[in-house]
Amino acid sequence: MKLEARGITVEGGGCHIVSNASLEISAGELVGLIGPNGAGKSTLLRALLGLQPRVGGTVLLDGAPFESFAPLERARRVAFLPQDRAVEWRLSVRDVIMLGRFPHRNGFAAPGAACEAAVDRALALVDCQTIADRDVTVLSGGERTRVLLARALAVEAPLLLVDEPITALDPYHQMHVMEILAGLARSGFGVLAVIHDLALAARFMDRIVLMSRGGVVASGPPAAVLDDAALDSVYHIAAMRGEKDGRPWMLPWRRTGQAETE
C-alpha cells in the first residue's frame, strides 16, 4: 500500500503554511518527517488525511484519490496519532484503546473477539498491560502518549501516521516507541512519523523528508539528508558524528547562527 501527496498547498492567515509539498510512504518503510518549529510538518500530515483543507495538490492511496474512499475504509487503511494528547472522557485505558477498533466494528455493538485480541496486542506493544484498567485522565503525559499510540496501533491499518510520538516520554520509552515503529515497518507496515529528535531520526529512519518554510527541501536516506550543509542552513546547528556497532550516529552539538522565524 502506498500513500502519495503531490504538490500539497495549505493556506492560513493569508499566507501559505505548506507550499507545493510532495512526499510518499509505502508499506515496509519508516519515514521521518522533520524540520524546525513552524515548518509545516503537522499541517502537511493533517492535509494528507483530509483533516486540514488544502488549496492545491492531490493525495493518492494506491493510485486512487484519497477522498474517493468511504470514511470507514480510509480509517481501516490509514491510522493516525495526532499531536494533541488531550482525553476528555473518563474512560479506562483499555476502553480508550478500543476506540481504535471503531472502523472494524458493527456500529455500537459490543466488540468481538478480533477487536479484543487487537487491543491486547496493542497494550502489549506499548507495555501498558498493568495500567489497562486505570482511568486515562489520571495518567502521566508519557503514559497517555503510549496509550494513544496503542489506540492507533489497535486499528492495525497498513499505514500509520504519527505526529511527535515520543513527546513527553523518558529516554527508555522514546527508544521503545522508536523500536515499535521500526518493527512495524519491518513487518510490512508503512509508518510516517513527525519527529524533532534528529539523533533518533538518524538512528531509526529508513528515509527522511526535511521541511523548511512550508516546503520539502530534501528527501532520502538519513545520512544524505542530515548532512552538515542541511543542518546549518535549515536548523542553524552543527553535529557530532561517529559510528557504533557498524551504524552511523549523529548528535546535535552547537548552534551555528540565529534561528529564523518560520
Protein backbone atom coordinates (compact mmCIF):
# COMPACT_ATOMS: atom_id res chain seq x y z
CA MET A 1 0.00 0.00 0.00
CA LYS A 2 1.22 3.49 -0.86
CA LEU A 3 0.11 6.98 0.17
CA GLU A 4 1.28 9.85 -2.04
CA ALA A 5 1.00 13.60 -1.61
CA ARG A 6 1.64 15.68 -4.71
CA GLY A 7 2.02 19.45 -4.62
CA ILE A 8 0.12 19.99 -1.36
CA THR A 9 -0.57 23.65 -0.58
CA VAL A 10 -2.35 24.84 2.55
CA GLU A 11 -3.21 28.44 3.36
CA GLY A 12 -3.84 30.13 6.68
CA GLY A 13 -3.93 33.73 7.81
CA GLY A 14 -3.46 34.96 4.27
CA CYS A 15 -0.22 33.05 3.64
CA HIS A 16 0.96 29.60 2.64
CA ILE A 17 1.56 27.30 5.62
CA VAL A 18 2.51 24.46 3.28
CA SER A 19 3.57 25.19 -0.27
CA ASN A 20 3.78 22.67 -3.12
CA ALA A 21 4.91 19.85 -0.80
CA SER A 22 5.21 16.27 -2.04
CA LEU A 23 6.06 13.03 -0.27
CA GLU A 24 5.14 9.36 -0.24
CA ILE A 25 5.02 6.50 2.21
CA SER A 26 4.92 2.84 1.21
CA ALA A 27 4.43 -0.42 3.05
CA GLY A 28 7.61 -1.67 4.70
CA GLU A 29 9.33 1.64 5.45
CA LEU A 30 9.69 4.02 8.38
CA VAL A 31 9.86 7.60 7.15
CA GLY A 32 10.67 10.59 9.34
CA LEU A 33 9.13 13.99 8.62
CA ILE A 34 11.45 16.57 10.19
CA GLY A 35 12.02 20.30 10.18
CA PRO A 36 12.18 23.31 12.51
CA ASN A 37 9.20 24.52 14.53
CA GLY A 38 6.66 26.08 12.18
CA ALA A 39 7.98 24.34 9.09
CA GLY A 40 4.53 22.90 8.30
CA LYS A 41 5.03 19.28 9.31
CA SER A 42 1.83 18.75 11.32
CA THR A 43 -0.20 20.76 8.82
CA LEU A 44 1.06 18.59 5.98
CA LEU A 45 0.26 15.44 7.94
CA ARG A 46 -3.30 16.60 8.57
CA ALA A 47 -3.72 17.68 4.96
CA LEU A 48 -2.75 14.18 3.85
CA LEU A 49 -5.66 12.80 5.86
CA GLY A 50 -8.19 15.41 4.76
CA LEU A 51 -8.29 16.90 8.27
CA GLN A 52 -6.83 20.20 7.02
CA PRO A 53 -8.32 21.91 3.93
CA ARG A 54 -5.85 22.33 1.11
CA VAL A 55 -5.95 24.80 -1.75
CA GLY A 56 -3.80 22.76 -4.08
CA GLY A 57 -2.38 19.31 -4.65
CA THR A 58 -3.67 15.75 -4.58
CA VAL A 59 -3.46 12.81 -2.18
CA LEU A 60 -3.49 9.30 -3.63
CA LEU A 61 -3.92 5.95 -1.91
CA ASP A 62 -2.67 3.15 -4.14
CA GLY A 63 -3.12 5.48 -7.10
CA ALA A 64 -6.73 6.46 -6.34
CA PRO A 65 -7.82 9.80 -4.88
CA PHE A 66 -7.89 9.50 -1.10
CA GLU A 67 -11.27 11.25 -0.97
CA SER A 68 -12.78 8.58 -3.22
CA PHE A 69 -12.66 6.06 -0.37
CA ALA A 70 -15.52 5.98 2.13
CA PRO A 71 -14.56 7.39 5.56
CA LEU A 72 -14.61 3.99 7.26
CA GLU A 73 -12.47 2.48 4.53
CA ARG A 74 -9.96 5.31 4.91
CA ALA A 75 -9.91 4.71 8.66
CA ARG A 76 -9.19 1.00 8.12
CA ARG A 77 -6.31 1.73 5.77
CA VAL A 78 -4.59 4.68 7.47
CA ALA A 79 -4.32 5.11 11.26
CA PHE A 80 -3.35 8.42 12.86
CA LEU A 81 -1.83 9.57 16.15
CA PRO A 82 -2.36 13.36 16.38
CA GLN A 83 -0.10 15.76 18.23
CA ASP A 84 -2.90 16.69 20.65
CA ARG A 85 -2.85 14.23 23.56
CA ALA A 86 -5.98 15.54 25.33
CA VAL A 87 -8.51 12.94 26.52
CA GLU A 88 -11.77 14.45 27.73
CA TRP A 89 -13.70 11.32 28.70
CA ARG A 90 -13.15 9.39 31.91
CA LEU A 91 -12.50 6.02 30.29
CA SER A 92 -10.24 3.16 31.21
CA VAL A 93 -7.04 2.72 29.27
CA ARG A 94 -8.47 -0.39 27.62
CA ASP A 95 -11.63 1.44 26.57
CA VAL A 96 -9.62 4.27 25.03
CA ILE A 97 -7.56 1.81 23.01
CA MET A 98 -10.74 0.02 21.95
CA LEU A 99 -11.84 3.26 20.26
CA GLY A 100 -9.22 2.45 17.66
CA ARG A 101 -11.28 -0.57 16.64
CA PHE A 102 -14.34 1.52 15.70
CA PRO A 103 -13.70 1.20 11.91
CA HIS A 104 -13.88 -2.59 12.28
CA ARG A 105 -16.99 -2.76 14.48
CA ASN A 106 -20.65 -3.02 13.59
CA GLY A 107 -21.91 0.31 14.86
CA PHE A 108 -22.05 0.38 18.64
CA ALA A 109 -22.28 -3.38 19.06
CA ALA A 110 -20.07 -4.95 21.71
CA PRO A 111 -16.53 -5.62 20.46
CA GLY A 112 -15.90 -9.14 19.23
CA ALA A 113 -13.00 -11.47 19.82
CA ALA A 114 -10.95 -9.96 16.97
CA CYS A 115 -11.23 -6.49 18.50
CA GLU A 116 -10.35 -7.73 21.98
CA ALA A 117 -7.30 -9.52 20.59
CA ALA A 118 -6.19 -6.41 18.69
CA VAL A 119 -6.41 -4.33 21.87
CA ASP A 120 -4.41 -6.98 23.76
CA ARG A 121 -1.69 -6.82 21.10
CA ALA A 122 -1.59 -3.01 21.23
CA LEU A 123 -1.40 -3.00 25.03
CA ALA A 124 1.48 -5.44 24.92
CA LEU A 125 3.35 -3.48 22.25
CA VAL A 126 3.41 -0.30 24.33
CA ASP A 127 3.91 -2.17 27.61
CA CYS A 128 0.70 -0.89 29.22
CA GLN A 129 -0.92 -4.14 30.35
CA THR A 130 -0.52 -3.22 34.02
CA ILE A 131 -2.48 0.03 33.63
CA ALA A 132 -5.23 -1.32 31.34
CA ASP A 133 -7.96 -0.73 33.93
CA ARG A 134 -6.73 2.67 35.11
CA ASP A 135 -8.67 5.89 34.38
CA VAL A 136 -6.87 7.53 31.47
CA THR A 137 -7.39 11.03 32.91
CA VAL A 138 -5.06 10.30 35.85
CA LEU A 139 -2.14 9.11 33.72
CA SER A 140 1.11 11.00 33.31
CA GLY A 141 1.78 12.71 29.99
CA GLY A 142 4.14 9.94 28.94
CA GLU A 143 1.69 7.19 29.85
CA ARG A 144 -1.08 8.96 27.95
CA THR A 145 1.14 9.25 24.88
CA ARG A 146 1.77 5.50 24.92
CA VAL A 147 -1.94 4.74 25.40
CA LEU A 148 -2.95 6.95 22.47
CA LEU A 149 -0.26 5.34 20.35
CA ALA A 150 -1.78 1.98 21.31
CA ARG A 151 -5.17 3.27 20.16
CA ALA A 152 -3.68 3.99 16.73
CA LEU A 153 -1.89 0.63 16.69
CA ALA A 154 -5.13 -1.19 17.54
CA VAL A 155 -6.56 -0.13 14.18
CA GLU A 156 -3.97 -2.43 12.59
CA ALA A 157 -4.10 -0.33 9.44
CA PRO A 158 -1.39 -0.99 6.84
CA LEU A 159 -0.33 2.67 7.03
CA LEU A 160 0.32 4.58 10.25
CA LEU A 161 0.87 8.35 10.53
CA VAL A 162 2.11 9.60 13.90
CA ASP A 163 2.73 13.20 14.96
CA GLU A 164 5.52 13.52 17.54
CA PRO A 165 5.06 10.02 19.00
CA ILE A 166 7.85 10.38 21.57
CA THR A 167 6.69 13.66 23.12
CA ALA A 168 6.80 13.60 26.95
CA LEU A 169 8.47 10.19 27.02
CA ASP A 170 11.59 9.40 29.05
CA PRO A 171 14.64 8.08 27.13
CA TYR A 172 13.75 4.42 27.76
CA HIS A 173 10.26 4.82 26.34
CA GLN A 174 11.48 7.01 23.49
CA MET A 175 13.72 4.16 22.40
CA HIS A 176 10.89 1.68 22.96
CA VAL A 177 8.46 3.61 20.74
CA MET A 178 11.04 4.00 18.00
CA GLU A 179 11.71 0.26 18.17
CA ILE A 180 7.96 -0.38 17.88
CA LEU A 181 7.69 1.82 14.79
CA ALA A 182 10.77 0.26 13.20
CA GLY A 183 9.40 -3.21 13.96
CA LEU A 184 6.09 -2.34 12.30
CA ALA A 185 7.95 -1.26 9.18
CA ARG A 186 9.96 -4.50 9.13
CA SER A 187 6.65 -6.37 9.40
CA GLY A 188 5.35 -4.69 6.25
CA PHE A 189 3.53 -1.64 7.60
CA GLY A 190 4.22 1.85 6.28
CA VAL A 191 4.95 4.41 9.01
CA LEU A 192 5.32 8.18 8.65
CA ALA A 193 6.42 9.95 11.84
CA VAL A 194 6.87 13.63 12.61
CA ILE A 195 9.86 13.79 14.94
CA HIS A 196 12.09 16.52 16.37
CA ASP A 197 14.85 14.33 17.80
CA LEU A 198 17.42 14.28 15.00
CA ALA A 199 19.60 11.71 16.74
CA LEU A 200 16.74 9.20 16.89
CA ALA A 201 15.68 10.09 13.35
CA ALA A 202 19.20 9.33 12.12
CA ARG A 203 19.28 6.14 14.17
CA PHE A 204 15.94 4.59 13.19
CA MET A 205 14.51 6.05 9.98
CA ASP A 206 14.77 4.34 6.62
CA ARG A 207 14.18 7.65 4.90
CA ILE A 208 13.83 11.27 5.98
CA VAL A 209 11.76 14.09 4.48
CA LEU A 210 13.08 17.52 5.52
CA MET A 211 10.76 20.54 5.54
CA SER A 212 11.61 24.21 5.85
CA ARG A 213 9.36 27.26 5.47
CA GLY A 214 6.40 25.13 4.39
CA GLY A 215 8.18 23.21 1.64
CA VAL A 216 10.01 19.93 1.27
CA VAL A 217 13.70 20.73 0.75
CA ALA A 218 15.22 17.22 0.84
CA SER A 219 14.23 13.56 0.91
CA GLY A 220 16.40 10.49 1.15
CA PRO A 221 18.45 8.30 3.49
CA PRO A 222 19.23 9.92 6.86
CA ALA A 223 22.96 10.28 6.16
CA ALA A 224 22.25 12.11 2.91
CA VAL A 225 19.56 14.44 4.27
CA LEU A 226 21.15 15.22 7.64
CA ASP A 227 24.44 16.42 6.22
CA ASP A 228 26.37 19.38 7.60
CA ALA A 229 25.07 21.80 4.98
CA ALA A 230 21.40 20.99 5.65
CA LEU A 231 21.83 21.16 9.42
CA ASP A 232 23.47 24.57 9.08
CA SER A 233 21.05 26.07 6.53
CA VAL A 234 17.77 24.69 7.94
CA TYR A 235 18.43 24.20 11.66
CA HIS A 236 21.43 26.51 12.17
CA ILE A 237 23.28 23.84 14.13
CA ALA A 238 26.36 21.66 13.78
CA ALA A 239 26.54 17.99 14.78
CA MET A 240 28.99 15.45 16.09
CA ARG A 241 29.16 12.17 14.19
CA GLY A 242 30.54 8.71 14.70
CA GLU A 243 29.87 5.01 14.35
CA LYS A 244 28.68 2.40 16.83
CA ASP A 245 28.12 -1.31 16.16
CA GLY A 246 28.61 -0.69 12.48
CA ARG A 247 25.95 2.04 12.32
CA PRO A 248 26.48 5.79 11.97
CA TRP A 249 25.21 8.18 14.63
CA MET A 250 24.86 11.95 14.83
CA LEU A 251 24.24 14.26 17.76
CA PRO A 252 23.26 17.94 17.50
CA TRP A 253 26.13 19.74 19.22
CA ARG A 254 26.10 23.51 18.88
CA ARG A 255 24.28 26.40 17.27
CA THR A 256 25.83 27.97 14.20
CA GLY A 257 23.58 31.02 13.95
CA GLN A 258 20.25 32.59 14.88
CA ALA A 259 17.14 30.53 14.14
CA GLU A 260 14.80 32.26 11.73
CA THR A 261 11.10 32.77 12.29
CA GLU A 262 9.33 30.25 10.07
